[in-house]
Amino acid sequence: MANPLTVITSLGGGKSREVKGVVKRDWVPTGRIDFATNLNGNGDAERPSEFKLLVEERRIVESIAGNENLEIQWRLATLKEAKAVVTQYHKFLIENSLIRSVSDPEILPPGT
């Protein structure tokens, strides 16, 4: 299977322009997200690396024979979509007491 990041890069940075039929419903996000990275990196899972947020989209195209075809694609996320993901992640951390504030006594250095 091809590296997803390579496939995304080879798409020319966006949505398919070639339509084979009539678009009944244009590209809409499905709500599914994923991350991609360069697989030729350092290989150490503990070291920081560059990740790209991917968003899944779908559309419905009616072929010339009258069949409805579901097309699915992954694309790079927009800044607005990335902010929504981070906002939901932070909300999850706070609701489940998984994030600590700076005033937490376990975080402050001894003697303060």
Protein backbone atom coordinates (compact mmCIF):
# COMPACT_ATOMS: atom_id res chain seq x y z
CA MET A 1 0.00 0.00 0.00
CA ALA A 2 1.25 3.44 -0.87
CA ASN A 3 2.27 5.92 1.80
CA PRO A 4 -0.88 8.06 2.44
CA LEU A 5 1.20 11.24 2.55
CA THR A 6 2.63 10.45 -0.88
CA VAL A 7 -0.85 9.83 -2.25
CA ILE A 8 -2.14 13.10 -0.74
CA THR A 9 0.81 15.04 -2.16
CA SER A 10 0.34 13.51 -5.59
CA LEU A 11 -3.28 14.66 -5.72
CA GLY A 12 -2.13 18.15 -6.51
CA GLY A 13 -3.25 19.55 -3.19
CA GLY A 14 -6.95 19.20 -3.45
CA LYS A 15 -10.16 17.88 -4.75
CA SER A 16 -10.54 15.92 -7.94
CA ARG A 17 -11.56 18.19 -10.81
CA GLU A 18 -12.52 15.37 -13.16
CA VAL A 19 -16.21 14.49 -12.91
CA LYS A 20 -17.50 11.42 -14.72
CA GLY A 21 -21.22 12.08 -14.54
CA VAL A 22 -23.48 14.50 -12.70
CA VAL A 23 -22.52 15.59 -9.18
CA LYS A 24 -25.62 15.00 -7.03
CA ARG A 25 -23.93 16.03 -3.79
CA ASP A 26 -20.60 17.86 -3.76
CA TRP A 27 -17.74 17.13 -1.36
CA VAL A 28 -18.83 17.08 2.29
CA PRO A 29 -16.71 16.12 5.29
CA THR A 30 -17.56 12.79 6.92
CA GLY A 31 -16.14 13.76 10.32
CA ARG A 32 -13.37 11.17 10.15
CA ILE A 33 -9.81 12.36 10.66
CA ASP A 34 -6.39 10.77 10.53
CA PHE A 35 -2.73 11.73 10.73
CA ALA A 36 0.00 11.16 8.17
CA THR A 37 3.74 11.48 8.44
CA ASN A 38 6.81 10.69 6.40
CA LEU A 39 7.58 7.01 6.90
CA ASN A 40 11.22 7.55 5.96
CA GLY A 41 11.82 9.53 9.18
CA ASN A 42 14.03 8.63 12.09
CA GLY A 43 11.84 5.63 13.04
CA ASP A 44 11.95 6.43 16.75
CA ALA A 45 8.39 6.67 18.11
CA GLU A 46 9.59 8.75 21.09
CA ARG A 47 11.14 11.54 19.02
CA PRO A 48 9.08 14.48 17.75
CA SER A 49 8.07 14.33 14.13
CA GLU A 50 5.99 16.31 11.65
CA PHE A 51 2.38 15.16 11.27
CA LYS A 52 -0.30 16.28 8.86
CA LEU A 53 -3.97 16.21 9.80
CA LEU A 54 -6.10 14.51 7.14
CA VAL A 55 -9.86 14.91 6.69
CA GLU A 56 -12.11 12.43 4.88
CA GLU A 57 -14.67 13.76 2.39
CA ARG A 58 -17.28 12.14 0.21
CA ARG A 59 -19.51 13.08 -2.69
CA ILE A 60 -22.18 11.36 -4.75
CA VAL A 61 -21.88 11.32 -8.53
CA GLU A 62 -24.51 9.92 -10.87
CA SER A 63 -22.92 8.13 -13.82
CA ILE A 64 -24.19 8.43 -17.38
CA ALA A 65 -25.91 5.05 -16.84
CA GLY A 66 -27.87 6.49 -13.90
CA ASN A 67 -25.96 4.70 -11.14
CA GLU A 68 -25.05 6.64 -8.01
CA ASN A 69 -21.39 6.34 -7.10
CA LEU A 70 -19.96 7.30 -3.73
CA GLU A 71 -16.50 8.87 -4.04
CA ILE A 72 -14.29 9.14 -0.97
CA GLN A 73 -11.06 11.10 -0.65
CA TRP A 74 -8.64 12.19 2.05
CA ARG A 75 -7.28 15.73 1.97
CA LEU A 76 -5.14 17.95 4.17
CA ALA A 77 -7.15 19.74 6.86
CA THR A 78 -7.72 23.48 6.89
CA LEU A 79 -6.63 25.64 9.81
CA LYS A 80 -10.26 25.94 10.94
CA GLU A 81 -10.65 22.13 10.98
CA ALA A 82 -7.38 21.67 12.87
CA LYS A 83 -8.48 24.20 15.50
CA ALA A 84 -11.78 22.32 15.94
CA VAL A 85 -9.87 19.06 16.56
CA VAL A 86 -7.57 20.70 19.13
CA THR A 87 -10.54 22.37 20.86
CA GLN A 88 -12.37 19.04 21.20
CA TYR A 89 -9.19 17.34 22.44
CA HIS A 90 -8.65 19.97 25.14
CA LYS A 91 -12.32 19.73 26.16
CA PHE A 92 -11.91 15.94 26.53
CA LEU A 93 -8.77 16.38 28.67
CA ILE A 94 -10.48 18.87 30.99
CA GLU A 95 -13.69 16.82 31.35
CA ASN A 96 -11.70 13.71 32.27
CA SER A 97 -9.26 15.50 34.61
CA LEU A 98 -6.33 14.59 32.38
CA ILE A 99 -4.92 18.11 32.13
CA ARG A 100 -3.36 20.01 35.01
CA SER A 101 -3.08 23.74 35.53
CA VAL A 102 0.19 25.49 36.33
CA SER A 103 -1.03 26.08 39.90
CA ASP A 104 -1.25 22.32 40.54
CA PRO A 105 1.09 21.53 43.51
CA GLU A 106 2.45 18.43 41.75
CA ILE A 107 3.73 20.58 38.88
CA LEU A 108 5.33 23.41 40.87
CA PRO A 109 8.98 22.92 41.84
CA PRO A 110 9.69 22.15 45.52
CA GLY A 111 10.10 25.13 47.88
CA THR A 112 7.64 27.46 46.13
